[in-house]
Amino acid sequence: MPSQSDQRFTFDLVGSEAPLDADVERYLALISGNLWLLHSDEARVLLNDLTESPQARLRKLEALARGKESSND
């Protein structure tokens, strides 16, 4: 069984209704501005929740990042 640190993020954009490039662009911009998300267990759970659409998962990830920014202010 892989350890928690061996887990990788997944972001399934197949079948999304929004243009693929726009979602990828938003995701990359979010991660590049919030590198801590790469190590966040909460972010990992949000990204791997396959009951949500890719766009919904991205919106939740953006909300998580905004929440962290506002708590640091």
PDB file of N, CA and C in Angstrom:
ATOM      1  N   MET A   1       0.856  -1.183   0.000  1.00  0.00           N
ATOM      2  CA  MET A   1       0.000   0.000   0.000  1.00  0.00           C
ATOM      3  C   MET A   1       0.894   1.235   0.000  1.00  0.00           C
ATOM      4  N   PRO A   2       0.650   2.187  -0.908  1.00  0.00           N
ATOM      5  CA  PRO A   2       1.481   3.385  -0.970  1.00  0.00           C
ATOM      6  C   PRO A   2       1.243   4.274   0.238  1.00  0.00           C
ATOM      7  N   SER A   3       2.298   4.935   0.671  1.00  0.00           N
ATOM      8  CA  SER A   3       2.158   5.866   1.783  1.00  0.00           C
ATOM      9  C   SER A   3       1.425   7.113   1.306  1.00  0.00           C
ATOM     10  N   GLN A   4       1.001   7.914   2.272  1.00  0.00           N
ATOM     11  CA  GLN A   4       0.259   9.133   1.919  1.00  0.00           C
ATOM     12  C   GLN A   4       1.107  10.063   1.070  1.00  0.00           C
ATOM     13  N   SER A   5       2.409  10.098   1.311  1.00  0.00           N
ATOM     14  CA  SER A   5       3.267  10.994   0.530  1.00  0.00           C
ATOM     15  C   SER A   5       3.445  10.505  -0.908  1.00  0.00           C
ATOM     16  N   ASP A   6       3.109   9.227  -1.174  1.00  0.00           N
ATOM     17  CA  ASP A   6       3.223   8.687  -2.529  1.00  0.00           C
ATOM     18  C   ASP A   6       1.998   9.011  -3.382  1.00  0.00           C
ATOM     19  N   GLN A   7       0.937   9.505  -2.755  1.00  0.00           N
ATOM     20  CA  GLN A   7      -0.282   9.798  -3.507  1.00  0.00           C
ATOM     21  C   GLN A   7      -0.054  10.962  -4.440  1.00  0.00           C
ATOM     22  N   ARG A   8      -0.635  10.895  -5.587  1.00  0.00           N
ATOM     23  CA  ARG A   8      -0.500  11.956  -6.590  1.00  0.00           C
ATOM     24  C   ARG A   8      -1.859  12.619  -6.797  1.00  0.00           C
ATOM     25  N   PHE A   9      -1.817  13.894  -7.162  1.00  0.00           N
ATOM     26  CA  PHE A   9      -3.043  14.597  -7.514  1.00  0.00           C
ATOM     27  C   PHE A   9      -3.536  14.090  -8.855  1.00  0.00           C
ATOM     28  N   THR A  10      -4.836  14.017  -8.979  1.00  0.00           N
ATOM     29  CA  THR A  10      -5.424  13.726 -10.275  1.00  0.00           C
ATOM     30  C   THR A  10      -6.426  14.830 -10.570  1.00  0.00           C
ATOM     31  N   PHE A  11      -6.541  15.172 -11.795  1.00  0.00           N
ATOM     32  CA  PHE A  11      -7.495  16.194 -12.191  1.00  0.00           C
ATOM     33  C   PHE A  11      -8.067  15.764 -13.524  1.00  0.00           C
ATOM     34  N   ASP A  12      -9.192  15.093 -13.476  1.00  0.00           N
ATOM     35  CA  ASP A  12      -9.807  14.516 -14.653  1.00  0.00           C
ATOM     36  C   ASP A  12     -10.644  15.570 -15.368  1.00  0.00           C
ATOM     37  N   LEU A  13     -10.210  15.957 -16.541  1.00  0.00           N
ATOM     38  CA  LEU A  13     -10.944  16.949 -17.317  1.00  0.00           C
ATOM     39  C   LEU A  13     -11.708  16.326 -18.477  1.00  0.00           C
ATOM     40  N   VAL A  14     -11.629  15.027 -18.609  1.00  0.00           N
ATOM     41  CA  VAL A  14     -12.315  14.348 -19.703  1.00  0.00           C
ATOM     42  C   VAL A  14     -13.818  14.492 -19.500  1.00  0.00           C
ATOM     43  N   GLY A  15     -14.499  14.856 -20.543  1.00  0.00           N
ATOM     44  CA  GLY A  15     -15.942  14.997 -20.490  1.00  0.00           C
ATOM     45  C   GLY A  15     -16.413  16.325 -19.920  1.00  0.00           C
ATOM     46  N   SER A  16     -15.495  17.232 -19.666  1.00  0.00           N
ATOM     47  CA  SER A  16     -15.916  18.519 -19.116  1.00  0.00           C
ATOM     48  C   SER A  16     -16.635  19.320 -20.190  1.00  0.00           C
ATOM     49  N   GLU A  17     -17.540  20.154 -19.743  1.00  0.00           N
ATOM     50  CA  GLU A  17     -18.297  20.971 -20.686  1.00  0.00           C
ATOM     51  C   GLU A  17     -17.576  22.262 -21.030  1.00  0.00           C
ATOM     52  N   ALA A  18     -16.744  22.756 -20.121  1.00  0.00           N
ATOM     53  CA  ALA A  18     -15.982  23.979 -20.387  1.00  0.00           C
ATOM     54  C   ALA A  18     -14.775  23.626 -21.253  1.00  0.00           C
ATOM     55  N   PRO A  19     -14.263  24.584 -21.975  1.00  0.00           N
ATOM     56  CA  PRO A  19     -13.081  24.311 -22.801  1.00  0.00           C
ATOM     57  C   PRO A  19     -11.932  23.794 -21.950  1.00  0.00           C
ATOM     58  N   LEU A  20     -11.302  22.751 -22.408  1.00  0.00           N
ATOM     59  CA  LEU A  20     -10.209  22.126 -21.686  1.00  0.00           C
ATOM     60  C   LEU A  20      -9.117  23.134 -21.356  1.00  0.00           C
ATOM     61  N   ASP A  21      -8.726  23.940 -22.313  1.00  0.00           N
ATOM     62  CA  ASP A  21      -7.638  24.879 -22.102  1.00  0.00           C
ATOM     63  C   ASP A  21      -7.937  25.876 -20.988  1.00  0.00           C
ATOM     64  N   ALA A  22      -9.153  26.343 -20.886  1.00  0.00           N
ATOM     65  CA  ALA A  22      -9.515  27.315 -19.856  1.00  0.00           C
ATOM     66  C   ALA A  22      -9.392  26.698 -18.467  1.00  0.00           C
ATOM     67  N   ASP A  23      -9.849  25.463 -18.307  1.00  0.00           N
ATOM     68  CA  ASP A  23      -9.750  24.792 -17.010  1.00  0.00           C
ATOM     69  C   ASP A  23      -8.300  24.513 -16.640  1.00  0.00           C
ATOM     70  N   VAL A  24      -7.532  24.069 -17.590  1.00  0.00           N
ATOM     71  CA  VAL A  24      -6.119  23.792 -17.338  1.00  0.00           C
ATOM     72  C   VAL A  24      -5.393  25.079 -16.970  1.00  0.00           C
ATOM     73  N   GLU A  25      -5.700  26.139 -17.678  1.00  0.00           N
ATOM     74  CA  GLU A  25      -5.088  27.436 -17.389  1.00  0.00           C
ATOM     75  C   GLU A  25      -5.406  27.901 -15.973  1.00  0.00           C
ATOM     76  N   ARG A  26      -6.670  27.784 -15.575  1.00  0.00           N
ATOM     77  CA  ARG A  26      -7.082  28.175 -14.219  1.00  0.00           C
ATOM     78  C   ARG A  26      -6.376  27.322 -13.173  1.00  0.00           C
ATOM     79  N   TYR A  27      -6.305  26.017 -13.422  1.00  0.00           N
ATOM     80  CA  TYR A  27      -5.661  25.101 -12.482  1.00  0.00           C
ATOM     81  C   TYR A  27      -4.178  25.429 -12.322  1.00  0.00           C
ATOM     82  N   LEU A  28      -3.497  25.609 -13.445  1.00  0.00           N
ATOM     83  CA  LEU A  28      -2.062  25.903 -13.387  1.00  0.00           C
ATOM     84  C   LEU A  28      -1.784  27.241 -12.718  1.00  0.00           C
ATOM     85  N   ALA A  29      -2.611  28.246 -13.001  1.00  0.00           N
ATOM     86  CA  ALA A  29      -2.439  29.553 -12.368  1.00  0.00           C
ATOM     87  C   ALA A  29      -2.664  29.445 -10.861  1.00  0.00           C
ATOM     88  N   LEU A  30      -3.651  28.680 -10.470  1.00  0.00           N
ATOM     89  CA  LEU A  30      -3.951  28.506  -9.058  1.00  0.00           C
ATOM     90  C   LEU A  30      -2.793  27.819  -8.334  1.00  0.00           C
ATOM     91  N   ILE A  31      -2.309  26.732  -8.901  1.00  0.00           N
ATOM     92  CA  ILE A  31      -1.221  25.980  -8.268  1.00  0.00           C
ATOM     93  C   ILE A  31       0.069  26.805  -8.247  1.00  0.00           C
ATOM     94  N   SER A  32       0.373  27.483  -9.341  1.00  0.00           N
ATOM     95  CA  SER A  32       1.623  28.255  -9.379  1.00  0.00           C
ATOM     96  C   SER A  32       1.613  29.391  -8.369  1.00  0.00           C
ATOM     97  N   GLY A  33       0.452  29.922  -8.057  1.00  0.00           N
ATOM     98  CA  GLY A  33       0.356  30.992  -7.075  1.00  0.00           C
ATOM     99  C   GLY A  33       0.165  30.500  -5.652  1.00  0.00           C
ATOM    100  N   ASN A  34      -0.091  29.216  -5.511  1.00  0.00           N
ATOM    101  CA  ASN A  34      -0.359  28.636  -4.186  1.00  0.00           C
ATOM    102  C   ASN A  34       0.300  27.259  -4.104  1.00  0.00           C
ATOM    103  N   LEU A  35       1.597  27.236  -4.103  1.00  0.00           N
ATOM    104  CA  LEU A  35       2.329  25.963  -4.137  1.00  0.00           C
ATOM    105  C   LEU A  35       2.030  25.075  -2.930  1.00  0.00           C
ATOM    106  N   TRP A  36       1.580  25.656  -1.842  1.00  0.00           N
ATOM    107  CA  TRP A  36       1.242  24.866  -0.662  1.00  0.00           C
ATOM    108  C   TRP A  36       0.134  23.863  -0.971  1.00  0.00           C
ATOM    109  N   LEU A  37      -0.684  24.140  -2.000  1.00  0.00           N
ATOM    110  CA  LEU A  37      -1.756  23.212  -2.373  1.00  0.00           C
ATOM    111  C   LEU A  37      -1.209  21.838  -2.764  1.00  0.00           C
ATOM    112  N   LEU A  38       0.007  21.804  -3.277  1.00  0.00           N
ATOM    113  CA  LEU A  38       0.602  20.529  -3.689  1.00  0.00           C
ATOM    114  C   LEU A  38       0.828  19.599  -2.505  1.00  0.00           C
ATOM    115  N   HIS A  39       0.884  20.157  -1.304  1.00  0.00           N
ATOM    116  CA  HIS A  39       1.151  19.366  -0.105  1.00  0.00           C
ATOM    117  C   HIS A  39      -0.049  19.306   0.835  1.00  0.00           C
ATOM    118  N   SER A  40      -1.160  19.828   0.391  1.00  0.00           N
ATOM    119  CA  SER A  40      -2.349  19.911   1.235  1.00  0.00           C
ATOM    120  C   SER A  40      -3.207  18.658   1.111  1.00  0.00           C
ATOM    121  N   ASP A  41      -3.464  18.024   2.261  1.00  0.00           N
ATOM    122  CA  ASP A  41      -4.357  16.859   2.261  1.00  0.00           C
ATOM    123  C   ASP A  41      -5.769  17.266   1.864  1.00  0.00           C
ATOM    124  N   GLU A  42      -6.191  18.449   2.304  1.00  0.00           N
ATOM    125  CA  GLU A  42      -7.535  18.932   1.966  1.00  0.00           C
ATOM    126  C   GLU A  42      -7.675  19.143   0.458  1.00  0.00           C
ATOM    127  N   ALA A  43      -6.650  19.709  -0.165  1.00  0.00           N
ATOM    128  CA  ALA A  43      -6.673  19.909  -1.619  1.00  0.00           C
ATOM    129  C   ALA A  43      -6.714  18.563  -2.339  1.00  0.00           C
ATOM    130  N   ARG A  44      -5.969  17.607  -1.837  1.00  0.00           N
ATOM    131  CA  ARG A  44      -5.943  16.273  -2.451  1.00  0.00           C
ATOM    132  C   ARG A  44      -7.334  15.635  -2.419  1.00  0.00           C
ATOM    133  N   VAL A  45      -8.008  15.774  -1.279  1.00  0.00           N
ATOM    134  CA  VAL A  45      -9.358  15.222  -1.150  1.00  0.00           C
ATOM    135  C   VAL A  45     -10.296  15.899  -2.146  1.00  0.00           C
ATOM    136  N   LEU A  46     -10.220  17.219  -2.254  1.00  0.00           N
ATOM    137  CA  LEU A  46     -11.083  17.957  -3.194  1.00  0.00           C
ATOM    138  C   LEU A  46     -10.839  17.514  -4.630  1.00  0.00           C
ATOM    139  N   LEU A  47      -9.586  17.391  -5.010  1.00  0.00           N
ATOM    140  CA  LEU A  47      -9.262  17.038  -6.391  1.00  0.00           C
ATOM    141  C   LEU A  47      -9.637  15.608  -6.745  1.00  0.00           C
ATOM    142  N   ASN A  48      -9.625  14.726  -5.771  1.00  0.00           N
ATOM    143  CA  ASN A  48      -9.909  13.322  -6.038  1.00  0.00           C
ATOM    144  C   ASN A  48     -11.357  12.934  -5.797  1.00  0.00           C
ATOM    145  N   ASP A  49     -12.214  13.915  -5.518  1.00  0.00           N
ATOM    146  CA  ASP A  49     -13.637  13.651  -5.305  1.00  0.00           C
ATOM    147  C   ASP A  49     -14.336  13.516  -6.656  1.00  0.00           C
ATOM    148  N   LEU A  50     -14.442  12.292  -7.123  1.00  0.00           N
ATOM    149  CA  LEU A  50     -14.997  12.049  -8.455  1.00  0.00           C
ATOM    150  C   LEU A  50     -16.513  12.161  -8.507  1.00  0.00           C
ATOM    151  N   THR A  51     -17.149  12.449  -7.369  1.00  0.00           N
ATOM    152  CA  THR A  51     -18.588  12.696  -7.394  1.00  0.00           C
ATOM    153  C   THR A  51     -18.882  14.115  -7.877  1.00  0.00           C
ATOM    154  N   GLU A  52     -17.864  14.965  -7.889  1.00  0.00           N
ATOM    155  CA  GLU A  52     -17.991  16.351  -8.360  1.00  0.00           C
ATOM    156  C   GLU A  52     -17.446  16.467  -9.780  1.00  0.00           C
ATOM    157  N   SER A  53     -17.975  17.419 -10.531  1.00  0.00           N
ATOM    158  CA  SER A  53     -17.454  17.679 -11.872  1.00  0.00           C
ATOM    159  C   SER A  53     -16.063  18.297 -11.753  1.00  0.00           C
ATOM    160  N   PRO A  54     -15.266  18.207 -12.796  1.00  0.00           N
ATOM    161  CA  PRO A  54     -13.937  18.845 -12.746  1.00  0.00           C
ATOM    162  C   PRO A  54     -14.024  20.340 -12.433  1.00  0.00           C
ATOM    163  N   GLN A  55     -15.005  21.015 -13.005  1.00  0.00           N
ATOM    164  CA  GLN A  55     -15.141  22.450 -12.763  1.00  0.00           C
ATOM    165  C   GLN A  55     -15.508  22.723 -11.306  1.00  0.00           C
ATOM    166  N   ALA A  56     -16.367  21.895 -10.719  1.00  0.00           N
ATOM    167  CA  ALA A  56     -16.743  22.065  -9.319  1.00  0.00           C
ATOM    168  C   ALA A  56     -15.540  21.838  -8.405  1.00  0.00           C
ATOM    169  N   ARG A  57     -14.731  20.842  -8.736  1.00  0.00           N
ATOM    170  CA  ARG A  57     -13.535  20.582  -7.936  1.00  0.00           C
ATOM    171  C   ARG A  57     -12.567  21.756  -8.023  1.00  0.00           C
ATOM    172  N   LEU A  58     -12.441  22.330  -9.195  1.00  0.00           N
ATOM    173  CA  LEU A  58     -11.556  23.483  -9.368  1.00  0.00           C
ATOM    174  C   LEU A  58     -12.085  24.680  -8.580  1.00  0.00           C
ATOM    175  N   ARG A  59     -13.389  24.909  -8.619  1.00  0.00           N
ATOM    176  CA  ARG A  59     -13.988  26.015  -7.850  1.00  0.00           C
ATOM    177  C   ARG A  59     -13.745  25.823  -6.352  1.00  0.00           C
ATOM    178  N   LYS A  60     -13.883  24.594  -5.872  1.00  0.00           N
ATOM    179  CA  LYS A  60     -13.651  24.317  -4.453  1.00  0.00           C
ATOM    180  C   LYS A  60     -12.184  24.521  -4.087  1.00  0.00           C
ATOM    181  N   LEU A  61     -11.303  24.142  -4.989  1.00  0.00           N
ATOM    182  CA  LEU A  61      -9.870  24.349  -4.749  1.00  0.00           C
ATOM    183  C   LEU A  61      -9.553  25.840  -4.703  1.00  0.00           C
ATOM    184  N   GLU A  62     -10.166  26.610  -5.604  1.00  0.00           N
ATOM    185  CA  GLU A  62      -9.979  28.065  -5.593  1.00  0.00           C
ATOM    186  C   GLU A  62     -10.504  28.662  -4.287  1.00  0.00           C
ATOM    187  N   ALA A  63     -11.644  28.161  -3.810  1.00  0.00           N
ATOM    188  CA  ALA A  63     -12.206  28.645  -2.551  1.00  0.00           C
ATOM    189  C   ALA A  63     -11.281  28.307  -1.379  1.00  0.00           C
ATOM    190  N   LEU A  64     -10.699  27.136  -1.400  1.00  0.00           N
ATOM    191  CA  LEU A  64      -9.750  26.749  -0.364  1.00  0.00           C
ATOM    192  C   LEU A  64      -8.562  27.706  -0.344  1.00  0.00           C
ATOM    193  N   ALA A  65      -8.039  28.021  -1.505  1.00  0.00           N
ATOM    194  CA  ALA A  65      -6.902  28.940  -1.600  1.00  0.00           C
ATOM    195  C   ALA A  65      -7.291  30.338  -1.123  1.00  0.00           C
ATOM    196  N   ARG A  66      -8.479  30.817  -1.511  1.00  0.00           N
ATOM    197  CA  ARG A  66      -8.951  32.139  -1.056  1.00  0.00           C
ATOM    198  C   ARG A  66      -9.121  32.160   0.456  1.00  0.00           C
ATOM    199  N   GLY A  67      -9.636  31.076   1.008  1.00  0.00           N
ATOM    200  CA  GLY A  67      -9.832  30.988   2.452  1.00  0.00           C
ATOM    201  C   GLY A  67      -8.504  31.044   3.196  1.00  0.00           C
ATOM    202  N   LYS A  68      -7.508  30.390   2.664  1.00  0.00           N
ATOM    203  CA  LYS A  68      -6.189  30.404   3.284  1.00  0.00           C
ATOM    204  C   LYS A  68      -5.595  31.817   3.200  1.00  0.00           C
ATOM    205  N   GLU A  69      -5.764  32.491   2.037  1.00  0.00           N
ATOM    206  CA  GLU A  69      -5.252  33.846   1.870  1.00  0.00           C
ATOM    207  C   GLU A  69      -5.917  34.808   2.851  1.00  0.00           C
ATOM    208  N   SER A  70      -7.233  34.695   3.003  1.00  0.00           N
ATOM    209  CA  SER A  70      -7.951  35.622   3.881  1.00  0.00           C
ATOM    210  C   SER A  70      -7.635  35.345   5.348  1.00  0.00           C
ATOM    211  N   SER A  71      -7.323  34.109   5.709  1.00  0.00           N
ATOM    212  CA  SER A  71      -6.966  33.821   7.091  1.00  0.00           C
ATOM    213  C   SER A  71      -5.550  34.294   7.416  1.00  0.00           C
ATOM    214  N   ASN A  72      -4.748  34.505   6.380  1.00  0.00           N
ATOM    215  CA  ASN A  72      -3.390  35.010   6.579  1.00  0.00           C
ATOM    216  C   ASN A  72      -3.339  36.533   6.638  1.00  0.00           C
ATOM    217  N   ASP A  73      -4.429  37.199   6.253  1.00  0.00           N
ATOM    218  CA  ASP A  73      -4.459  38.673   6.253  1.00  0.00           C
ATOM    219  C   ASP A  73      -4.592  39.235   7.635  1.00  0.00           C
TER     220      ASP A  73
END
